[in-house]
Amino acid sequence: MGRHPIIPDFHAWKLLCYLESCPNVSQRGAARVLGINVKICHEVVTRLVSKGWIHIHKHNARRWDYILTQDGLREKARLTVEFLDFSMQFYRQARESSATLCQSLASQGEAHVSLLGTNGLSEITAISLQEADLQIAKIYDAAPTDEQTFLNHPVHPIEAITYDNGPPIIVCLYEPSSPMAHRYLPPTAPRSRRYHWIFA
């Protein structure tokens, strides 16, 4: 199994990309886009200002513009390249790790496995399931729409997961700023003994 790729500065990259297209935004709005609290967002903004990557133009007490400097534009381009490289390494590692996990579950006598998440990592894991002759039992995700399907299966709400009644569940959700974090679960996920993680 290969080494985990180095994760670039996700919050800095995400904020630089967002501010380039939407300079007139509150820190509360930026925090919502990044999926972090306002305090952490303020720390990221302060860091970007101190590095000279963004300049704040204050119109009045309610309107501030966040403008990328030339250095900020160069840094955004550099981080974008890093993230493209990271994504390739991440999904290659996910392919190897999910194959190992699925073979392990099959060797334990499992025939069916559920997935938590409807994303690219879930699609990669589905390939590994096929190779291990495992069938998808159910797919769960947060707040699925009515009649939503994924991989030709209906998507069930995450709250429907039970503690220990049913097949193993492979967690395909992850924190974008730390996608290989140990045992990540979204806040709404119920406690269960059925979870298995790709990056254990």
N, C-alpha and C. Protein backbone atom coordinates (compact mmCIF):
# COMPACT_ATOMS: atom_id res chain seq x y z
N MET A 1 0.85 -1.19 0.00
CA MET A 1 0.00 0.00 0.00
C MET A 1 0.89 1.24 0.00
N GLY A 2 0.59 2.21 -0.85
CA GLY A 2 1.42 3.39 -0.98
C GLY A 2 1.24 4.37 0.16
N ARG A 3 2.15 5.34 0.21
CA ARG A 3 2.05 6.37 1.24
C ARG A 3 0.90 7.31 0.92
N HIS A 4 0.31 7.86 1.97
CA HIS A 4 -0.76 8.84 1.76
C HIS A 4 -0.18 10.10 1.13
N PRO A 5 -0.85 10.66 0.13
CA PRO A 5 -0.36 11.90 -0.47
C PRO A 5 -0.45 13.05 0.52
N ILE A 6 0.42 14.03 0.34
CA ILE A 6 0.42 15.22 1.19
C ILE A 6 -0.75 16.11 0.81
N ILE A 7 -1.54 16.53 1.79
CA ILE A 7 -2.74 17.33 1.53
C ILE A 7 -2.37 18.81 1.45
N PRO A 8 -2.66 19.47 0.34
CA PRO A 8 -2.39 20.92 0.25
C PRO A 8 -3.29 21.71 1.21
N ASP A 9 -3.05 23.01 1.28
CA ASP A 9 -3.82 23.88 2.17
C ASP A 9 -5.21 24.08 1.59
N PHE A 10 -6.13 23.22 1.98
CA PHE A 10 -7.47 23.20 1.39
C PHE A 10 -8.21 24.51 1.61
N HIS A 11 -8.23 25.01 2.85
CA HIS A 11 -9.01 26.20 3.16
C HIS A 11 -8.48 27.42 2.42
N ALA A 12 -7.15 27.55 2.34
CA ALA A 12 -6.58 28.69 1.62
C ALA A 12 -6.95 28.62 0.15
N TRP A 13 -6.83 27.45 -0.45
CA TRP A 13 -7.16 27.28 -1.88
C TRP A 13 -8.64 27.56 -2.14
N LYS A 14 -9.49 26.98 -1.30
CA LYS A 14 -10.94 27.16 -1.48
C LYS A 14 -11.33 28.63 -1.35
N LEU A 15 -10.74 29.31 -0.37
CA LEU A 15 -11.09 30.72 -0.15
C LEU A 15 -10.56 31.59 -1.28
N LEU A 16 -9.35 31.33 -1.75
CA LEU A 16 -8.81 32.11 -2.87
C LEU A 16 -9.67 31.94 -4.12
N CYS A 17 -10.09 30.72 -4.39
CA CYS A 17 -10.95 30.47 -5.56
C CYS A 17 -12.28 31.20 -5.42
N TYR A 18 -12.85 31.16 -4.21
CA TYR A 18 -14.15 31.78 -4.00
C TYR A 18 -14.07 33.30 -4.08
N LEU A 19 -13.05 33.89 -3.46
CA LEU A 19 -12.93 35.34 -3.44
C LEU A 19 -12.62 35.91 -4.82
N GLU A 20 -11.97 35.12 -5.66
CA GLU A 20 -11.68 35.60 -7.02
C GLU A 20 -12.98 35.83 -7.79
N SER A 21 -13.96 34.96 -7.57
CA SER A 21 -15.22 35.08 -8.30
C SER A 21 -16.27 35.88 -7.53
N CYS A 22 -16.08 36.02 -6.22
CA CYS A 22 -17.08 36.72 -5.40
C CYS A 22 -16.37 37.54 -4.33
N PRO A 23 -15.77 38.69 -4.72
CA PRO A 23 -14.97 39.47 -3.76
C PRO A 23 -15.80 40.13 -2.66
N ASN A 24 -17.05 40.44 -2.94
CA ASN A 24 -17.90 41.14 -1.97
C ASN A 24 -18.70 40.12 -1.18
N VAL A 25 -18.10 39.61 -0.11
CA VAL A 25 -18.74 38.58 0.69
C VAL A 25 -18.38 38.79 2.15
N SER A 26 -19.28 38.46 3.04
CA SER A 26 -18.99 38.55 4.47
C SER A 26 -18.19 37.32 4.89
N GLN A 27 -17.49 37.44 6.01
CA GLN A 27 -16.76 36.28 6.50
C GLN A 27 -17.72 35.17 6.90
N ARG A 28 -18.91 35.53 7.32
CA ARG A 28 -19.91 34.51 7.64
C ARG A 28 -20.30 33.74 6.38
N GLY A 29 -20.46 34.48 5.27
CA GLY A 29 -20.79 33.83 4.01
C GLY A 29 -19.64 32.96 3.52
N ALA A 30 -18.41 33.45 3.66
CA ALA A 30 -17.24 32.67 3.25
C ALA A 30 -17.11 31.41 4.10
N ALA A 31 -17.38 31.54 5.40
CA ALA A 31 -17.30 30.38 6.30
C ALA A 31 -18.31 29.32 5.89
N ARG A 32 -19.49 29.77 5.46
CA ARG A 32 -20.52 28.83 5.02
C ARG A 32 -20.05 28.05 3.79
N VAL A 33 -19.40 28.75 2.86
CA VAL A 33 -18.89 28.11 1.64
C VAL A 33 -17.80 27.09 1.99
N LEU A 34 -16.92 27.44 2.93
CA LEU A 34 -15.82 26.56 3.30
C LEU A 34 -16.27 25.43 4.23
N GLY A 35 -17.44 25.57 4.83
CA GLY A 35 -17.91 24.56 5.77
C GLY A 35 -17.19 24.60 7.10
N ILE A 36 -16.79 25.81 7.51
CA ILE A 36 -16.09 25.98 8.79
C ILE A 36 -16.79 27.08 9.58
N ASN A 37 -16.40 27.26 10.86
CA ASN A 37 -17.02 28.32 11.63
C ASN A 37 -16.36 29.66 11.32
N VAL A 38 -17.01 30.73 11.75
CA VAL A 38 -16.54 32.08 11.42
C VAL A 38 -15.17 32.36 12.02
N LYS A 39 -14.89 31.83 13.21
CA LYS A 39 -13.60 32.07 13.86
C LYS A 39 -12.45 31.51 13.01
N ILE A 40 -12.62 30.27 12.54
CA ILE A 40 -11.57 29.66 11.71
C ILE A 40 -11.45 30.40 10.39
N CYS A 41 -12.58 30.82 9.82
CA CYS A 41 -12.56 31.58 8.57
C CYS A 41 -11.78 32.88 8.76
N HIS A 42 -12.00 33.55 9.88
CA HIS A 42 -11.28 34.79 10.17
C HIS A 42 -9.78 34.53 10.25
N GLU A 43 -9.40 33.41 10.85
CA GLU A 43 -7.98 33.06 10.94
C GLU A 43 -7.39 32.82 9.56
N VAL A 44 -8.15 32.17 8.67
CA VAL A 44 -7.67 31.92 7.31
C VAL A 44 -7.51 33.24 6.56
N VAL A 45 -8.52 34.12 6.68
CA VAL A 45 -8.45 35.42 6.01
C VAL A 45 -7.25 36.22 6.52
N THR A 46 -7.06 36.23 7.84
CA THR A 46 -5.93 36.96 8.42
C THR A 46 -4.60 36.43 7.89
N ARG A 47 -4.50 35.12 7.76
CA ARG A 47 -3.27 34.51 7.26
C ARG A 47 -3.02 34.90 5.80
N LEU A 48 -4.09 34.90 5.00
CA LEU A 48 -3.94 35.26 3.58
C LEU A 48 -3.56 36.73 3.42
N VAL A 49 -4.11 37.59 4.29
CA VAL A 49 -3.75 39.01 4.25
C VAL A 49 -2.28 39.18 4.65
N SER A 50 -1.85 38.47 5.70
CA SER A 50 -0.47 38.61 6.18
C SER A 50 0.55 38.12 5.14
N LYS A 51 0.14 37.16 4.33
CA LYS A 51 1.02 36.66 3.28
C LYS A 51 0.99 37.54 2.03
N GLY A 52 0.07 38.51 2.02
CA GLY A 52 -0.03 39.41 0.87
C GLY A 52 -0.78 38.80 -0.30
N TRP A 53 -1.62 37.78 -0.03
CA TRP A 53 -2.35 37.13 -1.11
C TRP A 53 -3.71 37.75 -1.37
N ILE A 54 -4.27 38.42 -0.38
CA ILE A 54 -5.51 39.16 -0.59
C ILE A 54 -5.37 40.54 0.06
N HIS A 55 -6.10 41.49 -0.51
CA HIS A 55 -6.15 42.85 0.01
C HIS A 55 -7.60 43.16 0.34
N ILE A 56 -7.84 43.76 1.51
CA ILE A 56 -9.20 44.10 1.92
C ILE A 56 -9.46 45.57 1.63
N HIS A 57 -10.51 45.81 0.86
CA HIS A 57 -10.92 47.19 0.56
C HIS A 57 -12.23 47.45 1.31
N LYS A 58 -12.19 48.33 2.30
CA LYS A 58 -13.35 48.61 3.14
C LYS A 58 -14.11 49.80 2.61
N HIS A 59 -15.34 49.57 2.14
CA HIS A 59 -16.21 50.65 1.67
C HIS A 59 -16.88 51.35 2.84
N ASN A 60 -17.44 50.53 3.74
CA ASN A 60 -18.08 51.05 4.94
C ASN A 60 -18.13 49.91 5.96
N ALA A 61 -18.86 50.12 7.04
CA ALA A 61 -18.88 49.11 8.11
C ALA A 61 -19.50 47.80 7.65
N ARG A 62 -20.34 47.84 6.61
CA ARG A 62 -21.05 46.64 6.18
C ARG A 62 -20.48 46.01 4.91
N ARG A 63 -19.72 46.79 4.16
CA ARG A 63 -19.25 46.25 2.88
C ARG A 63 -17.73 46.28 2.80
N TRP A 64 -17.18 45.08 2.72
CA TRP A 64 -15.75 44.91 2.51
C TRP A 64 -15.54 44.07 1.26
N ASP A 65 -14.58 44.45 0.45
CA ASP A 65 -14.21 43.64 -0.71
C ASP A 65 -12.88 42.95 -0.44
N TYR A 66 -12.81 41.68 -0.78
CA TYR A 66 -11.58 40.91 -0.64
C TYR A 66 -11.01 40.69 -2.04
N ILE A 67 -9.88 41.31 -2.34
CA ILE A 67 -9.33 41.31 -3.69
C ILE A 67 -8.03 40.52 -3.71
N LEU A 68 -7.94 39.57 -4.63
CA LEU A 68 -6.71 38.80 -4.77
C LEU A 68 -5.61 39.68 -5.37
N THR A 69 -4.44 39.64 -4.76
CA THR A 69 -3.28 40.34 -5.30
C THR A 69 -2.64 39.47 -6.39
N GLN A 70 -1.62 39.99 -7.06
CA GLN A 70 -0.91 39.18 -8.05
C GLN A 70 -0.29 37.95 -7.40
N ASP A 71 0.26 38.14 -6.19
CA ASP A 71 0.80 36.99 -5.47
C ASP A 71 -0.30 35.99 -5.12
N GLY A 72 -1.48 36.51 -4.78
CA GLY A 72 -2.61 35.64 -4.46
C GLY A 72 -3.06 34.84 -5.67
N LEU A 73 -3.07 35.48 -6.83
CA LEU A 73 -3.44 34.76 -8.06
C LEU A 73 -2.43 33.67 -8.38
N ARG A 74 -1.16 33.98 -8.20
CA ARG A 74 -0.13 32.97 -8.45
C ARG A 74 -0.25 31.81 -7.46
N GLU A 75 -0.54 32.14 -6.19
CA GLU A 75 -0.69 31.09 -5.18
C GLU A 75 -1.90 30.22 -5.47
N LYS A 76 -3.00 30.84 -5.92
CA LYS A 76 -4.19 30.05 -6.26
C LYS A 76 -3.87 29.08 -7.39
N ALA A 77 -3.15 29.55 -8.41
CA ALA A 77 -2.77 28.69 -9.53
C ALA A 77 -1.89 27.53 -9.05
N ARG A 78 -0.94 27.84 -8.17
CA ARG A 78 -0.04 26.81 -7.66
C ARG A 78 -0.80 25.76 -6.85
N LEU A 79 -1.71 26.23 -5.97
CA LEU A 79 -2.50 25.30 -5.16
C LEU A 79 -3.43 24.47 -6.02
N THR A 80 -3.95 25.06 -7.10
CA THR A 80 -4.83 24.30 -8.00
C THR A 80 -4.07 23.13 -8.61
N VAL A 81 -2.84 23.36 -9.05
CA VAL A 81 -2.02 22.29 -9.59
C VAL A 81 -1.77 21.23 -8.53
N GLU A 82 -1.47 21.68 -7.29
CA GLU A 82 -1.24 20.74 -6.20
C GLU A 82 -2.47 19.87 -5.94
N PHE A 83 -3.65 20.50 -6.01
CA PHE A 83 -4.86 19.73 -5.73
C PHE A 83 -5.18 18.75 -6.85
N LEU A 84 -4.87 19.10 -8.08
CA LEU A 84 -5.06 18.14 -9.18
C LEU A 84 -4.17 16.93 -8.97
N ASP A 85 -2.92 17.17 -8.58
CA ASP A 85 -1.99 16.09 -8.32
C ASP A 85 -2.45 15.27 -7.11
N PHE A 86 -2.90 15.97 -6.05
CA PHE A 86 -3.38 15.28 -4.86
C PHE A 86 -4.59 14.41 -5.18
N SER A 87 -5.51 14.93 -6.00
CA SER A 87 -6.72 14.16 -6.33
C SER A 87 -6.36 12.85 -7.03
N MET A 88 -5.40 12.91 -7.94
CA MET A 88 -4.99 11.70 -8.64
C MET A 88 -4.40 10.69 -7.66
N GLN A 89 -3.56 11.17 -6.74
CA GLN A 89 -2.97 10.27 -5.74
C GLN A 89 -4.02 9.74 -4.77
N PHE A 90 -4.95 10.62 -4.38
CA PHE A 90 -5.99 10.24 -3.42
C PHE A 90 -6.85 9.11 -3.97
N TYR A 91 -7.31 9.25 -5.21
CA TYR A 91 -8.18 8.23 -5.78
C TYR A 91 -7.42 6.95 -6.12
N ARG A 92 -6.13 7.07 -6.45
CA ARG A 92 -5.32 5.87 -6.66
C ARG A 92 -5.16 5.11 -5.34
N GLN A 93 -4.91 5.86 -4.26
CA GLN A 93 -4.81 5.23 -2.94
C GLN A 93 -6.15 4.64 -2.51
N ALA A 94 -7.23 5.35 -2.82
CA ALA A 94 -8.56 4.86 -2.48
C ALA A 94 -8.86 3.56 -3.21
N ARG A 95 -8.41 3.47 -4.44
CA ARG A 95 -8.62 2.24 -5.22
C ARG A 95 -7.93 1.06 -4.55
N GLU A 96 -6.69 1.25 -4.14
CA GLU A 96 -5.94 0.18 -3.49
C GLU A 96 -6.55 -0.19 -2.14
N SER A 97 -6.86 0.83 -1.34
CA SER A 97 -7.36 0.58 0.01
C SER A 97 -8.75 -0.02 0.00
N SER A 98 -9.62 0.44 -0.90
CA SER A 98 -10.97 -0.12 -0.95
C SER A 98 -10.93 -1.57 -1.43
N ALA A 99 -10.02 -1.89 -2.34
CA ALA A 99 -9.89 -3.28 -2.80
C ALA A 99 -9.46 -4.19 -1.65
N THR A 100 -8.51 -3.72 -0.84
CA THR A 100 -8.05 -4.49 0.31
C THR A 100 -9.18 -4.70 1.31
N LEU A 101 -9.94 -3.64 1.59
CA LEU A 101 -11.05 -3.73 2.55
C LEU A 101 -12.12 -4.69 2.05
N CYS A 102 -12.49 -4.58 0.79
CA CYS A 102 -13.56 -5.43 0.25
C CYS A 102 -13.14 -6.90 0.24
N GLN A 103 -11.89 -7.18 -0.12
CA GLN A 103 -11.41 -8.56 -0.09
C GLN A 103 -11.43 -9.09 1.34
N SER A 104 -11.10 -8.24 2.30
CA SER A 104 -11.12 -8.65 3.70
C SER A 104 -12.53 -8.99 4.16
N LEU A 105 -13.51 -8.16 3.78
CA LEU A 105 -14.90 -8.42 4.16
C LEU A 105 -15.41 -9.70 3.51
N ALA A 106 -15.02 -9.94 2.25
CA ALA A 106 -15.44 -11.16 1.56
C ALA A 106 -14.84 -12.39 2.23
N SER A 107 -13.59 -12.28 2.67
CA SER A 107 -12.94 -13.43 3.33
C SER A 107 -13.56 -13.74 4.68
N GLN A 108 -14.27 -12.75 5.26
CA GLN A 108 -14.95 -12.96 6.53
C GLN A 108 -16.35 -13.54 6.34
N GLY A 109 -16.71 -13.81 5.08
CA GLY A 109 -17.99 -14.43 4.80
C GLY A 109 -19.11 -13.47 4.48
N GLU A 110 -18.79 -12.19 4.35
CA GLU A 110 -19.83 -11.22 3.99
C GLU A 110 -20.21 -11.38 2.52
N ALA A 111 -21.48 -11.20 2.23
CA ALA A 111 -21.95 -11.26 0.85
C ALA A 111 -22.52 -9.94 0.38
N HIS A 112 -22.98 -9.13 1.32
CA HIS A 112 -23.57 -7.83 1.01
C HIS A 112 -22.91 -6.75 1.86
N VAL A 113 -22.75 -5.58 1.27
CA VAL A 113 -22.14 -4.43 1.94
C VAL A 113 -22.91 -3.18 1.56
N SER A 114 -23.13 -2.30 2.51
CA SER A 114 -23.77 -1.01 2.24
C SER A 114 -22.71 0.08 2.12
N LEU A 115 -23.08 1.18 1.47
CA LEU A 115 -22.19 2.31 1.30
C LEU A 115 -22.79 3.54 1.95
N LEU A 116 -21.95 4.33 2.60
CA LEU A 116 -22.37 5.62 3.15
C LEU A 116 -21.71 6.71 2.33
N GLY A 117 -22.51 7.37 1.49
CA GLY A 117 -21.99 8.43 0.62
C GLY A 117 -22.32 8.16 -0.83
N THR A 118 -22.55 9.26 -1.55
CA THR A 118 -22.83 9.17 -2.99
C THR A 118 -21.86 10.11 -3.70
N ASN A 119 -20.66 9.64 -3.91
CA ASN A 119 -19.62 10.49 -4.48
C ASN A 119 -18.64 9.64 -5.28
N GLY A 120 -17.54 10.25 -5.71
CA GLY A 120 -16.54 9.53 -6.49
C GLY A 120 -15.91 8.39 -5.72
N LEU A 121 -15.71 8.57 -4.42
CA LEU A 121 -15.14 7.51 -3.60
C LEU A 121 -16.08 6.31 -3.53
N SER A 122 -17.38 6.57 -3.51
CA SER A 122 -18.37 5.48 -3.52
C SER A 122 -18.30 4.70 -4.83
N GLU A 123 -18.11 5.41 -5.95
CA GLU A 123 -18.02 4.74 -7.24
C GLU A 123 -16.78 3.85 -7.32
N ILE A 124 -15.67 4.34 -6.79
CA ILE A 124 -14.44 3.54 -6.77
C ILE A 124 -14.64 2.31 -5.89
N THR A 125 -15.28 2.49 -4.75
CA THR A 125 -15.53 1.37 -3.84
C THR A 125 -16.45 0.35 -4.48
N ALA A 126 -17.41 0.81 -5.27
CA ALA A 126 -18.33 -0.12 -5.95
C ALA A 126 -17.57 -1.04 -6.90
N ILE A 127 -16.53 -0.54 -7.54
CA ILE A 127 -15.71 -1.39 -8.41
C ILE A 127 -15.02 -2.47 -7.58
N SER A 128 -14.49 -2.06 -6.42
CA SER A 128 -13.83 -3.03 -5.54
C SER A 128 -14.81 -4.08 -5.01
N LEU A 129 -16.05 -3.66 -4.77
CA LEU A 129 -17.08 -4.61 -4.34
C LEU A 129 -17.32 -5.67 -5.41
N GLN A 130 -17.42 -5.23 -6.65
CA GLN A 130 -17.64 -6.17 -7.75
C GLN A 130 -16.49 -7.17 -7.85
N GLU A 131 -15.28 -6.67 -7.73
CA GLU A 131 -14.10 -7.55 -7.84
C GLU A 131 -14.06 -8.58 -6.72
N ALA A 132 -14.63 -8.22 -5.56
CA ALA A 132 -14.64 -9.15 -4.42
C ALA A 132 -15.92 -9.97 -4.38
N ASP A 133 -16.75 -9.88 -5.42
CA ASP A 133 -18.03 -10.60 -5.49
C ASP A 133 -18.95 -10.25 -4.33
N LEU A 134 -18.95 -8.98 -3.95
CA LEU A 134 -19.85 -8.48 -2.93
C LEU A 134 -20.96 -7.68 -3.60
N GLN A 135 -22.16 -7.78 -3.04
CA GLN A 135 -23.31 -7.05 -3.57
C GLN A 135 -23.60 -5.84 -2.69
N ILE A 136 -24.11 -4.76 -3.33
CA ILE A 136 -24.53 -3.58 -2.57
C ILE A 136 -25.89 -3.85 -1.94
N ALA A 137 -25.94 -3.72 -0.62
CA ALA A 137 -27.22 -3.92 0.08
C ALA A 137 -28.03 -2.64 0.07
N LYS A 138 -27.45 -1.57 0.61
CA LYS A 138 -28.12 -0.27 0.65
C LYS A 138 -27.09 0.84 0.47
N ILE A 139 -27.58 2.00 0.08
CA ILE A 139 -26.74 3.19 0.00
C ILE A 139 -27.39 4.27 0.85
N TYR A 140 -26.58 4.88 1.72
CA TYR A 140 -27.07 5.93 2.61
C TYR A 140 -26.37 7.24 2.27
N ASP A 141 -27.06 8.34 2.54
CA ASP A 141 -26.44 9.66 2.42
C ASP A 141 -27.27 10.65 3.22
N ALA A 142 -26.68 11.82 3.46
CA ALA A 142 -27.39 12.85 4.21
C ALA A 142 -28.44 13.51 3.33
N ALA A 143 -29.64 13.62 3.85
CA ALA A 143 -30.74 14.35 3.20
C ALA A 143 -30.92 14.02 1.73
N PRO A 144 -31.14 12.74 1.38
CA PRO A 144 -31.39 12.42 -0.03
C PRO A 144 -32.73 12.98 -0.48
N THR A 145 -32.82 13.32 -1.74
CA THR A 145 -34.08 13.80 -2.29
C THR A 145 -35.01 12.62 -2.54
N ASP A 146 -36.28 12.90 -2.69
CA ASP A 146 -37.25 11.83 -2.96
C ASP A 146 -36.87 11.08 -4.22
N GLU A 147 -36.89 9.77 -4.12
CA GLU A 147 -36.62 8.88 -5.25
C GLU A 147 -35.21 9.04 -5.82
N GLN A 148 -34.29 9.56 -5.02
CA GLN A 148 -32.90 9.67 -5.47
C GLN A 148 -32.29 8.28 -5.59
N THR A 149 -31.54 8.06 -6.66
CA THR A 149 -30.84 6.80 -6.83
C THR A 149 -29.35 7.07 -7.07
N PHE A 150 -28.54 6.07 -6.79
CA PHE A 150 -27.10 6.14 -7.02
C PHE A 150 -26.63 4.73 -7.31
N LEU A 151 -25.91 4.56 -8.40
CA LEU A 151 -25.47 3.23 -8.83
C LEU A 151 -26.66 2.29 -8.97
N ASN A 152 -27.77 2.85 -9.44
CA ASN A 152 -29.02 2.09 -9.65
C ASN A 152 -29.64 1.55 -8.36
N HIS A 153 -29.32 2.18 -7.25
CA HIS A 153 -29.91 1.80 -5.97
C HIS A 153 -30.58 3.02 -5.36
N PRO A 154 -31.71 2.84 -4.67
CA PRO A 154 -32.31 3.97 -3.96
C PRO A 154 -31.39 4.44 -2.83
N VAL A 155 -31.41 5.74 -2.56
CA VAL A 155 -30.57 6.31 -1.50
C VAL A 155 -31.42 6.52 -0.25
N HIS A 156 -30.96 5.97 0.84
CA HIS A 156 -31.69 6.04 2.11
C HIS A 156 -31.08 7.13 3.00
N PRO A 157 -31.89 7.76 3.84
CA PRO A 157 -31.34 8.80 4.74
C PRO A 157 -30.37 8.19 5.74
N ILE A 158 -29.38 8.97 6.10
CA ILE A 158 -28.34 8.50 7.02
C ILE A 158 -28.92 8.12 8.37
N GLU A 159 -30.03 8.75 8.75
CA GLU A 159 -30.66 8.46 10.04
C GLU A 159 -31.24 7.04 10.10
N ALA A 160 -31.38 6.40 8.93
CA ALA A 160 -31.96 5.05 8.89
C ALA A 160 -30.95 3.96 9.27
N ILE A 161 -29.69 4.34 9.45
CA ILE A 161 -28.67 3.35 9.82
C ILE A 161 -28.93 2.85 11.25
N THR A 162 -28.89 1.54 11.41
CA THR A 162 -29.10 0.94 12.72
C THR A 162 -27.76 0.58 13.36
N TYR A 163 -27.80 0.28 14.65
CA TYR A 163 -26.56 0.07 15.39
C TYR A 163 -25.81 -1.19 14.92
N ASP A 164 -26.54 -2.34 14.90
CA ASP A 164 -25.83 -3.57 14.54
C ASP A 164 -26.70 -4.53 13.73
N ASN A 165 -27.78 -4.06 13.18
CA ASN A 165 -28.67 -4.93 12.42
C ASN A 165 -28.49 -4.68 10.92
N GLY A 166 -27.73 -5.55 10.28
CA GLY A 166 -27.53 -5.40 8.84
C GLY A 166 -26.08 -5.64 8.44
N PRO A 167 -25.81 -5.56 7.15
CA PRO A 167 -24.45 -5.82 6.65
C PRO A 167 -23.50 -4.67 6.98
N PRO A 168 -22.20 -4.91 6.80
CA PRO A 168 -21.22 -3.84 7.05
C PRO A 168 -21.50 -2.62 6.18
N ILE A 169 -21.08 -1.46 6.67
CA ILE A 169 -21.24 -0.20 5.94
C ILE A 169 -19.86 0.40 5.70
N ILE A 170 -19.50 0.61 4.44
CA ILE A 170 -18.24 1.26 4.12
C ILE A 170 -18.47 2.76 4.04
N VAL A 171 -17.75 3.51 4.84
CA VAL A 171 -17.91 4.97 4.89
C VAL A 171 -17.13 5.59 3.73
N CYS A 172 -17.85 6.24 2.82
CA CYS A 172 -17.24 6.90 1.66
C CYS A 172 -17.32 8.42 1.77
N LEU A 173 -17.77 8.93 2.89
CA LEU A 173 -17.78 10.36 3.14
C LEU A 173 -16.49 10.76 3.83
N TYR A 174 -16.06 11.99 3.63
CA TYR A 174 -14.81 12.44 4.23
C TYR A 174 -14.80 13.95 4.37
N GLU A 175 -13.94 14.42 5.26
CA GLU A 175 -13.75 15.86 5.47
C GLU A 175 -12.83 16.38 4.36
N PRO A 176 -13.28 17.32 3.52
CA PRO A 176 -12.45 17.77 2.38
C PRO A 176 -11.07 18.25 2.76
N SER A 177 -10.94 18.92 3.92
CA SER A 177 -9.64 19.44 4.32
C SER A 177 -8.73 18.35 4.90
N SER A 178 -9.29 17.19 5.18
CA SER A 178 -8.50 16.07 5.72
C SER A 178 -9.16 14.77 5.29
N PRO A 179 -9.13 14.46 3.98
CA PRO A 179 -9.92 13.34 3.44
C PRO A 179 -9.51 11.97 3.94
N MET A 180 -8.33 11.85 4.52
CA MET A 180 -7.90 10.55 5.04
C MET A 180 -7.93 10.51 6.56
N ALA A 181 -8.70 11.43 7.15
CA ALA A 181 -8.80 11.47 8.61
C ALA A 181 -9.35 10.15 9.14
N HIS A 182 -8.85 9.72 10.28
CA HIS A 182 -9.21 8.43 10.85
C HIS A 182 -10.66 8.43 11.35
N ARG A 183 -11.44 7.48 10.86
CA ARG A 183 -12.80 7.24 11.33
C ARG A 183 -13.70 8.48 11.25
N TYR A 184 -13.64 9.17 10.12
CA TYR A 184 -14.52 10.34 9.94
C TYR A 184 -15.96 9.89 9.79
N LEU A 185 -16.86 10.63 10.43
CA LEU A 185 -18.30 10.47 10.24
C LEU A 185 -18.95 11.84 10.27
N PRO A 186 -19.97 12.07 9.43
CA PRO A 186 -20.69 13.35 9.52
C PRO A 186 -21.43 13.43 10.85
N PRO A 187 -21.70 14.63 11.33
CA PRO A 187 -22.33 14.80 12.65
C PRO A 187 -23.68 14.10 12.78
N THR A 188 -24.40 13.93 11.67
CA THR A 188 -25.74 13.34 11.75
C THR A 188 -25.73 11.81 11.71
N ALA A 189 -24.56 11.21 11.56
CA ALA A 189 -24.50 9.74 11.46
C ALA A 189 -24.79 9.10 12.81
N PRO A 190 -25.71 8.14 12.85
CA PRO A 190 -25.99 7.44 14.12
C PRO A 190 -24.80 6.57 14.53
N ARG A 191 -24.72 6.25 15.80
CA ARG A 191 -23.70 5.30 16.26
C ARG A 191 -24.02 3.92 15.70
N SER A 192 -23.00 3.22 15.28
CA SER A 192 -23.20 1.89 14.73
C SER A 192 -21.90 1.10 14.81
N ARG A 193 -22.03 -0.21 14.99
CA ARG A 193 -20.86 -1.09 14.97
C ARG A 193 -20.58 -1.59 13.56
N ARG A 194 -21.36 -1.14 12.60
CA ARG A 194 -21.26 -1.69 11.25
C ARG A 194 -20.31 -0.91 10.34
N TYR A 195 -19.78 0.23 10.81
CA TYR A 195 -18.96 1.07 9.96
C TYR A 195 -17.57 0.46 9.69
N HIS A 196 -17.12 0.64 8.46
CA HIS A 196 -15.75 0.31 8.07
C HIS A 196 -15.23 1.47 7.23
N TRP A 197 -13.96 1.79 7.42
CA TRP A 197 -13.37 2.94 6.74
C TRP A 197 -12.34 2.48 5.71
N ILE A 198 -12.28 3.18 4.59
CA ILE A 198 -11.33 2.85 3.54
C ILE A 198 -9.92 3.15 3.98
N PHE A 199 -9.73 4.32 4.59
CA PHE A 199 -8.42 4.71 5.07
C PHE A 199 -8.34 4.46 6.57
N ALA A 200 -8.10 3.24 6.94
CA ALA A 200 -8.09 2.87 8.37
C ALA A 200 -6.72 3.18 8.95
